[in-house]
Amino acid sequence: MRQRRISADAVYSVADTGEVIETYPYDTSHPSELILGWVSARPLHIVLGHNEADDEHIVITVYDPGADQWSTDFRERRL
């Protein structure tokens, strides 16, 4: 997050208000989901795991989705 200049506040905001665009129910260790959210005009993707046993969420990664890999609205992968 530090290298990408993404603050913890930005992550919390996207996790709370973002849109789930992909789910990964069979991820190892915990099911997870890809969330798209916006911080000002900046799109962010967060992969968030859910440890149901402890009822906790785990940030797996956070990144700026690249326009070369994602649709113009950052919701769908380009093939």
PDB file of N, CA and C in Angstrom:
ATOM      1  N   MET A   1       0.828  -1.188   0.000  1.00  0.00           N
ATOM      2  CA  MET A   1       0.000   0.000   0.000  1.00  0.00           C
ATOM      3  C   MET A   1       0.875   1.255   0.000  1.00  0.00           C
ATOM      4  N   ARG A   2       1.917   1.202   0.770  1.00  0.00           N
ATOM      5  CA  ARG A   2       2.796   2.370   0.863  1.00  0.00           C
ATOM      6  C   ARG A   2       3.445   2.659  -0.480  1.00  0.00           C
ATOM      7  N   GLN A   3       3.936   1.612  -1.161  1.00  0.00           N
ATOM      8  CA  GLN A   3       4.576   1.808  -2.458  1.00  0.00           C
ATOM      9  C   GLN A   3       3.599   2.369  -3.486  1.00  0.00           C
ATOM     10  N   ARG A   4       2.338   1.994  -3.372  1.00  0.00           N
ATOM     11  CA  ARG A   4       1.322   2.447  -4.322  1.00  0.00           C
ATOM     12  C   ARG A   4       0.630   3.720  -3.861  1.00  0.00           C
ATOM     13  N   ARG A   5       1.065   4.243  -2.731  1.00  0.00           N
ATOM     14  CA  ARG A   5       0.489   5.474  -2.153  1.00  0.00           C
ATOM     15  C   ARG A   5      -1.019   5.352  -1.939  1.00  0.00           C
ATOM     16  N   ILE A   6      -1.391   4.238  -1.304  1.00  0.00           N
ATOM     17  CA  ILE A   6      -2.795   3.979  -0.978  1.00  0.00           C
ATOM     18  C   ILE A   6      -2.908   3.975   0.544  1.00  0.00           C
ATOM     19  N   SER A   7      -3.719   4.843   1.075  1.00  0.00           N
ATOM     20  CA  SER A   7      -3.843   4.978   2.530  1.00  0.00           C
ATOM     21  C   SER A   7      -4.788   3.926   3.108  1.00  0.00           C
ATOM     22  N   ALA A   8      -4.634   3.676   4.388  1.00  0.00           N
ATOM     23  CA  ALA A   8      -5.546   2.766   5.088  1.00  0.00           C
ATOM     24  C   ALA A   8      -6.975   3.309   5.020  1.00  0.00           C
ATOM     25  N   ASP A   9      -7.132   4.624   5.119  1.00  0.00           N
ATOM     26  CA  ASP A   9      -8.468   5.227   5.022  1.00  0.00           C
ATOM     27  C   ASP A   9      -9.104   4.930   3.667  1.00  0.00           C
ATOM     28  N   ALA A  10      -8.315   4.970   2.597  1.00  0.00           N
ATOM     29  CA  ALA A  10      -8.834   4.658   1.264  1.00  0.00           C
ATOM     30  C   ALA A  10      -9.298   3.205   1.210  1.00  0.00           C
ATOM     31  N   VAL A  11      -8.526   2.305   1.790  1.00  0.00           N
ATOM     32  CA  VAL A  11      -8.891   0.885   1.805  1.00  0.00           C
ATOM     33  C   VAL A  11     -10.186   0.676   2.576  1.00  0.00           C
ATOM     34  N   TYR A  12     -10.305   1.274   3.755  1.00  0.00           N
ATOM     35  CA  TYR A  12     -11.531   1.148   4.541  1.00  0.00           C
ATOM     36  C   TYR A  12     -12.735   1.691   3.770  1.00  0.00           C
ATOM     37  N   SER A  13     -12.549   2.814   3.121  1.00  0.00           N
ATOM     38  CA  SER A  13     -13.642   3.426   2.367  1.00  0.00           C
ATOM     39  C   SER A  13     -14.112   2.516   1.240  1.00  0.00           C
ATOM     40  N   VAL A  14     -13.180   1.976   0.468  1.00  0.00           N
ATOM     41  CA  VAL A  14     -13.545   1.089  -0.641  1.00  0.00           C
ATOM     42  C   VAL A  14     -14.162  -0.195  -0.118  1.00  0.00           C
ATOM     43  N   ALA A  15     -13.617  -0.742   0.955  1.00  0.00           N
ATOM     44  CA  ALA A  15     -14.169  -1.964   1.536  1.00  0.00           C
ATOM     45  C   ALA A  15     -15.607  -1.750   2.018  1.00  0.00           C
ATOM     46  N   ASP A  16     -15.882  -0.575   2.550  1.00  0.00           N
ATOM     47  CA  ASP A  16     -17.225  -0.274   3.083  1.00  0.00           C
ATOM     48  C   ASP A  16     -18.241   0.087   2.001  1.00  0.00           C
ATOM     49  N   THR A  17     -17.792   0.773   0.952  1.00  0.00           N
ATOM     50  CA  THR A  17     -18.759   1.327  -0.003  1.00  0.00           C
ATOM     51  C   THR A  17     -18.596   0.801  -1.422  1.00  0.00           C
ATOM     52  N   GLY A  18     -17.557  -0.001  -1.659  1.00  0.00           N
ATOM     53  CA  GLY A  18     -17.278  -0.458  -3.010  1.00  0.00           C
ATOM     54  C   GLY A  18     -18.242  -1.520  -3.509  1.00  0.00           C
ATOM     55  N   GLU A  19     -18.042  -1.900  -4.759  1.00  0.00           N
ATOM     56  CA  GLU A  19     -18.891  -2.874  -5.453  1.00  0.00           C
ATOM     57  C   GLU A  19     -18.102  -4.166  -5.670  1.00  0.00           C
ATOM     58  N   VAL A  20     -18.673  -5.286  -5.252  1.00  0.00           N
ATOM     59  CA  VAL A  20     -18.040  -6.578  -5.492  1.00  0.00           C
ATOM     60  C   VAL A  20     -18.180  -6.892  -6.979  1.00  0.00           C
ATOM     61  N   ILE A  21     -17.037  -7.078  -7.658  1.00  0.00           N
ATOM     62  CA  ILE A  21     -17.091  -7.344  -9.098  1.00  0.00           C
ATOM     63  C   ILE A  21     -16.678  -8.772  -9.441  1.00  0.00           C
ATOM     64  N   GLU A  22     -16.013  -9.460  -8.524  1.00  0.00           N
ATOM     65  CA  GLU A  22     -15.676 -10.876  -8.704  1.00  0.00           C
ATOM     66  C   GLU A  22     -15.661 -11.538  -7.336  1.00  0.00           C
ATOM     67  N   THR A  23     -16.013 -12.809  -7.300  1.00  0.00           N
ATOM     68  CA  THR A  23     -15.919 -13.572  -6.061  1.00  0.00           C
ATOM     69  C   THR A  23     -15.040 -14.791  -6.294  1.00  0.00           C
ATOM     70  N   TYR A  24     -14.336 -15.161  -5.254  1.00  0.00           N
ATOM     71  CA  TYR A  24     -13.434 -16.307  -5.298  1.00  0.00           C
ATOM     72  C   TYR A  24     -13.754 -17.215  -4.096  1.00  0.00           C
ATOM     73  N   PRO A  25     -14.838 -17.979  -4.184  1.00  0.00           N
ATOM     74  CA  PRO A  25     -15.278 -18.763  -3.021  1.00  0.00           C
ATOM     75  C   PRO A  25     -14.321 -19.886  -2.638  1.00  0.00           C
ATOM     76  N   TYR A  26     -13.453 -20.290  -3.556  1.00  0.00           N
ATOM     77  CA  TYR A  26     -12.566 -21.423  -3.279  1.00  0.00           C
ATOM     78  C   TYR A  26     -11.111 -21.007  -3.084  1.00  0.00           C
ATOM     79  N   ASP A  27     -10.860 -19.731  -2.847  1.00  0.00           N
ATOM     80  CA  ASP A  27      -9.490 -19.295  -2.570  1.00  0.00           C
ATOM     81  C   ASP A  27      -8.949 -20.060  -1.368  1.00  0.00           C
ATOM     82  N   THR A  28      -7.654 -20.374  -1.437  1.00  0.00           N
ATOM     83  CA  THR A  28      -7.045 -21.073  -0.314  1.00  0.00           C
ATOM     84  C   THR A  28      -6.996 -20.152   0.895  1.00  0.00           C
ATOM     85  N   SER A  29      -7.113 -20.712   1.979  1.00  0.00           N
ATOM     86  CA  SER A  29      -7.210 -20.142   3.329  1.00  0.00           C
ATOM     87  C   SER A  29      -8.574 -19.491   3.600  1.00  0.00           C
ATOM     88  N   HIS A  30      -9.055 -18.605   2.725  1.00  0.00           N
ATOM     89  CA  HIS A  30     -10.363 -17.974   2.972  1.00  0.00           C
ATOM     90  C   HIS A  30     -11.017 -17.579   1.658  1.00  0.00           C
ATOM     91  N   PRO A  31     -12.346 -17.680   1.573  1.00  0.00           N
ATOM     92  CA  PRO A  31     -13.037 -17.131   0.397  1.00  0.00           C
ATOM     93  C   PRO A  31     -12.749 -15.632   0.317  1.00  0.00           C
ATOM     94  N   SER A  32     -12.703 -15.116  -0.904  1.00  0.00           N
ATOM     95  CA  SER A  32     -12.408 -13.692  -1.044  1.00  0.00           C
ATOM     96  C   SER A  32     -13.219 -13.098  -2.183  1.00  0.00           C
ATOM     97  N   GLU A  33     -13.106 -11.784  -2.304  1.00  0.00           N
ATOM     98  CA  GLU A  33     -13.821 -11.069  -3.356  1.00  0.00           C
ATOM     99  C   GLU A  33     -12.992  -9.880  -3.806  1.00  0.00           C
ATOM    100  N   LEU A  34     -13.206  -9.518  -5.063  1.00  0.00           N
ATOM    101  CA  LEU A  34     -12.564  -8.342  -5.645  1.00  0.00           C
ATOM    102  C   LEU A  34     -13.565  -7.200  -5.592  1.00  0.00           C
ATOM    103  N   ILE A  35     -13.156  -6.115  -4.993  1.00  0.00           N
ATOM    104  CA  ILE A  35     -14.026  -4.963  -4.789  1.00  0.00           C
ATOM    105  C   ILE A  35     -13.470  -3.775  -5.567  1.00  0.00           C
ATOM    106  N   LEU A  36     -14.351  -3.108  -6.300  1.00  0.00           N
ATOM    107  CA  LEU A  36     -14.003  -1.865  -6.990  1.00  0.00           C
ATOM    108  C   LEU A  36     -14.587  -0.705  -6.216  1.00  0.00           C
ATOM    109  N   GLY A  37     -13.772   0.284  -5.977  1.00  0.00           N
ATOM    110  CA  GLY A  37     -14.253   1.496  -5.334  1.00  0.00           C
ATOM    111  C   GLY A  37     -13.477   2.690  -5.855  1.00  0.00           C
ATOM    112  N   TRP A  38     -13.960   3.851  -5.501  1.00  0.00           N
ATOM    113  CA  TRP A  38     -13.349   5.099  -5.963  1.00  0.00           C
ATOM    114  C   TRP A  38     -12.977   5.955  -4.762  1.00  0.00           C
ATOM    115  N   VAL A  39     -11.780   6.513  -4.826  1.00  0.00           N
ATOM    116  CA  VAL A  39     -11.327   7.484  -3.839  1.00  0.00           C
ATOM    117  C   VAL A  39     -11.050   8.748  -4.636  1.00  0.00           C
ATOM    118  N   SER A  40     -11.923   9.722  -4.468  1.00  0.00           N
ATOM    119  CA  SER A  40     -11.964  10.892  -5.344  1.00  0.00           C
ATOM    120  C   SER A  40     -12.163  10.372  -6.761  1.00  0.00           C
ATOM    121  N   ALA A  41     -11.276  10.663  -7.681  1.00  0.00           N
ATOM    122  CA  ALA A  41     -11.430  10.181  -9.061  1.00  0.00           C
ATOM    123  C   ALA A  41     -10.548   8.957  -9.334  1.00  0.00           C
ATOM    124  N   ARG A  42      -9.966   8.391  -8.295  1.00  0.00           N
ATOM    125  CA  ARG A  42      -9.025   7.266  -8.440  1.00  0.00           C
ATOM    126  C   ARG A  42      -9.735   5.931  -8.217  1.00  0.00           C
ATOM    127  N   PRO A  43      -9.725   5.061  -9.234  1.00  0.00           N
ATOM    128  CA  PRO A  43     -10.307   3.730  -9.031  1.00  0.00           C
ATOM    129  C   PRO A  43      -9.317   2.851  -8.268  1.00  0.00           C
ATOM    130  N   LEU A  44      -9.844   2.033  -7.364  1.00  0.00           N
ATOM    131  CA  LEU A  44      -9.016   1.078  -6.634  1.00  0.00           C
ATOM    132  C   LEU A  44      -9.677  -0.286  -6.647  1.00  0.00           C
ATOM    133  N   HIS A  45      -8.869  -1.319  -6.721  1.00  0.00           N
ATOM    134  CA  HIS A  45      -9.317  -2.690  -6.556  1.00  0.00           C
ATOM    135  C   HIS A  45      -8.744  -3.213  -5.246  1.00  0.00           C
ATOM    136  N   ILE A  46      -9.582  -3.898  -4.482  1.00  0.00           N
ATOM    137  CA  ILE A  46      -9.158  -4.535  -3.239  1.00  0.00           C
ATOM    138  C   ILE A  46      -9.599  -5.987  -3.294  1.00  0.00           C
ATOM    139  N   VAL A  47      -8.674  -6.904  -2.999  1.00  0.00           N
ATOM    140  CA  VAL A  47      -9.055  -8.290  -2.804  1.00  0.00           C
ATOM    141  C   VAL A  47      -9.141  -8.477  -1.297  1.00  0.00           C
ATOM    142  N   LEU A  48     -10.345  -8.846  -0.842  1.00  0.00           N
ATOM    143  CA  LEU A  48     -10.648  -8.926   0.582  1.00  0.00           C
ATOM    144  C   LEU A  48     -11.071 -10.349   0.915  1.00  0.00           C
ATOM    145  N   GLY A  49     -10.327 -10.996   1.812  1.00  0.00           N
ATOM    146  CA  GLY A  49     -10.678 -12.336   2.258  1.00  0.00           C
ATOM    147  C   GLY A  49     -11.579 -12.259   3.490  1.00  0.00           C
ATOM    148  N   HIS A  50     -12.356 -13.325   3.707  1.00  0.00           N
ATOM    149  CA  HIS A  50     -13.234 -13.358   4.868  1.00  0.00           C
ATOM    150  C   HIS A  50     -12.988 -14.636   5.654  1.00  0.00           C
ATOM    151  N   ASN A  51     -12.458 -14.476   6.844  1.00  0.00           N
ATOM    152  CA  ASN A  51     -12.253 -15.581   7.759  1.00  0.00           C
ATOM    153  C   ASN A  51     -13.529 -15.738   8.570  1.00  0.00           C
ATOM    154  N   GLU A  52     -14.390 -16.653   8.139  1.00  0.00           N
ATOM    155  CA  GLU A  52     -15.697 -16.815   8.793  1.00  0.00           C
ATOM    156  C   GLU A  52     -15.565 -17.313  10.222  1.00  0.00           C
ATOM    157  N   ALA A  53     -14.560 -18.156  10.503  1.00  0.00           N
ATOM    158  CA  ALA A  53     -14.397 -18.709  11.847  1.00  0.00           C
ATOM    159  C   ALA A  53     -14.177 -17.611  12.882  1.00  0.00           C
ATOM    160  N   ASP A  54     -13.412 -16.598  12.514  1.00  0.00           N
ATOM    161  CA  ASP A  54     -13.120 -15.496  13.433  1.00  0.00           C
ATOM    162  C   ASP A  54     -13.895 -14.226  13.095  1.00  0.00           C
ATOM    163  N   ASP A  55     -14.753 -14.295  12.079  1.00  0.00           N
ATOM    164  CA  ASP A  55     -15.530 -13.153  11.614  1.00  0.00           C
ATOM    165  C   ASP A  55     -14.643 -11.920  11.408  1.00  0.00           C
ATOM    166  N   GLU A  56     -13.578 -12.123  10.607  1.00  0.00           N
ATOM    167  CA  GLU A  56     -12.686 -11.017  10.300  1.00  0.00           C
ATOM    168  C   GLU A  56     -12.440 -10.956   8.803  1.00  0.00           C
ATOM    169  N   HIS A  57     -12.153  -9.751   8.331  1.00  0.00           N
ATOM    170  CA  HIS A  57     -11.800  -9.543   6.928  1.00  0.00           C
ATOM    171  C   HIS A  57     -10.304  -9.290   6.828  1.00  0.00           C
ATOM    172  N   ILE A  58      -9.705  -9.806   5.763  1.00  0.00           N
ATOM    173  CA  ILE A  58      -8.267  -9.720   5.573  1.00  0.00           C
ATOM    174  C   ILE A  58      -7.994  -9.069   4.221  1.00  0.00           C
ATOM    175  N   VAL A  59      -7.249  -7.989   4.222  1.00  0.00           N
ATOM    176  CA  VAL A  59      -6.861  -7.344   2.970  1.00  0.00           C
ATOM    177  C   VAL A  59      -5.730  -8.174   2.362  1.00  0.00           C
ATOM    178  N   ILE A  60      -5.988  -8.729   1.181  1.00  0.00           N
ATOM    179  CA  ILE A  60      -4.986  -9.542   0.506  1.00  0.00           C
ATOM    180  C   ILE A  60      -4.111  -8.668  -0.384  1.00  0.00           C
ATOM    181  N   THR A  61      -4.741  -7.811  -1.161  1.00  0.00           N
ATOM    182  CA  THR A  61      -3.983  -6.853  -1.982  1.00  0.00           C
ATOM    183  C   THR A  61      -4.865  -5.665  -2.329  1.00  0.00           C
ATOM    184  N   VAL A  62      -4.204  -4.575  -2.661  1.00  0.00           N
ATOM    185  CA  VAL A  62      -4.866  -3.339  -3.084  1.00  0.00           C
ATOM    186  C   VAL A  62      -4.051  -2.784  -4.243  1.00  0.00           C
ATOM    187  N   TYR A  63      -4.730  -2.387  -5.318  1.00  0.00           N
ATOM    188  CA  TYR A  63      -3.975  -1.870  -6.458  1.00  0.00           C
ATOM    189  C   TYR A  63      -4.836  -0.958  -7.324  1.00  0.00           C
ATOM    190  N   ASP A  64      -4.146  -0.182  -8.150  1.00  0.00           N
ATOM    191  CA  ASP A  64      -4.790   0.650  -9.167  1.00  0.00           C
ATOM    192  C   ASP A  64      -5.021  -0.246 -10.384  1.00  0.00           C
ATOM    193  N   PRO A  65      -6.260  -0.446 -10.805  1.00  0.00           N
ATOM    194  CA  PRO A  65      -6.490  -1.282 -11.984  1.00  0.00           C
ATOM    195  C   PRO A  65      -5.977  -0.581 -13.245  1.00  0.00           C
ATOM    196  N   GLY A  66      -5.229  -1.306 -14.045  1.00  0.00           N
ATOM    197  CA  GLY A  66      -4.663  -0.739 -15.257  1.00  0.00           C
ATOM    198  C   GLY A  66      -5.667  -0.724 -16.397  1.00  0.00           C
ATOM    199  N   ALA A  67      -5.704   0.364 -17.128  1.00  0.00           N
ATOM    200  CA  ALA A  67      -6.636   0.504 -18.258  1.00  0.00           C
ATOM    201  C   ALA A  67      -6.336  -0.516 -19.351  1.00  0.00           C
ATOM    202  N   ASP A  68      -5.114  -1.027 -19.400  1.00  0.00           N
ATOM    203  CA  ASP A  68      -4.773  -2.032 -20.406  1.00  0.00           C
ATOM    204  C   ASP A  68      -5.301  -3.420 -20.039  1.00  0.00           C
ATOM    205  N   GLN A  69      -5.645  -3.635 -18.776  1.00  0.00           N
ATOM    206  CA  GLN A  69      -6.127  -4.935 -18.323  1.00  0.00           C
ATOM    207  C   GLN A  69      -7.610  -4.953 -17.970  1.00  0.00           C
ATOM    208  N   TRP A  70      -8.207  -3.786 -17.855  1.00  0.00           N
ATOM    209  CA  TRP A  70      -9.598  -3.683 -17.403  1.00  0.00           C
ATOM    210  C   TRP A  70     -10.413  -2.833 -18.368  1.00  0.00           C
ATOM    211  N   SER A  71     -11.720  -3.068 -18.383  1.00  0.00           N
ATOM    212  CA  SER A  71     -12.633  -2.257 -19.192  1.00  0.00           C
ATOM    213  C   SER A  71     -12.578  -0.813 -18.711  1.00  0.00           C
ATOM    214  N   THR A  72     -13.170   0.076 -19.471  1.00  0.00           N
ATOM    215  CA  THR A  72     -13.099   1.502 -19.139  1.00  0.00           C
ATOM    216  C   THR A  72     -13.752   1.833 -17.796  1.00  0.00           C
ATOM    217  N   ASP A  73     -14.684   0.988 -17.338  1.00  0.00           N
ATOM    218  CA  ASP A  73     -15.297   1.224 -16.027  1.00  0.00           C
ATOM    219  C   ASP A  73     -14.630   0.397 -14.921  1.00  0.00           C
ATOM    220  N   PHE A  74     -13.571  -0.352 -15.264  1.00  0.00           N
ATOM    221  CA  PHE A  74     -12.764  -1.147 -14.348  1.00  0.00           C
ATOM    222  C   PHE A  74     -13.523  -2.296 -13.692  1.00  0.00           C
ATOM    223  N   ARG A  75     -14.642  -2.726 -14.309  1.00  0.00           N
ATOM    224  CA  ARG A  75     -15.441  -3.806 -13.751  1.00  0.00           C
ATOM    225  C   ARG A  75     -15.194  -5.167 -14.420  1.00  0.00           C
ATOM    226  N   GLU A  76     -14.653  -5.155 -15.632  1.00  0.00           N
ATOM    227  CA  GLU A  76     -14.457  -6.399 -16.365  1.00  0.00           C
ATOM    228  C   GLU A  76     -13.036  -6.478 -16.910  1.00  0.00           C
ATOM    229  N   ARG A  77     -12.471  -7.688 -16.849  1.00  0.00           N
ATOM    230  CA  ARG A  77     -11.119  -7.902 -17.370  1.00  0.00           C
ATOM    231  C   ARG A  77     -11.152  -7.889 -18.889  1.00  0.00           C
ATOM    232  N   ARG A  78     -10.113  -7.336 -19.468  1.00  0.00           N
ATOM    233  CA  ARG A  78      -9.948  -7.414 -20.931  1.00  0.00           C
ATOM    234  C   ARG A  78      -9.336  -8.770 -21.242  1.00  0.00           C
ATOM    235  N   LEU A  79      -9.755  -9.362 -22.335  1.00  0.00           N
ATOM    236  CA  LEU A  79      -9.215 -10.669 -22.728  1.00  0.00           C
ATOM    237  C   LEU A  79      -8.028 -10.539 -23.624  1.00  0.00           C
TER     238      LEU A  79
END
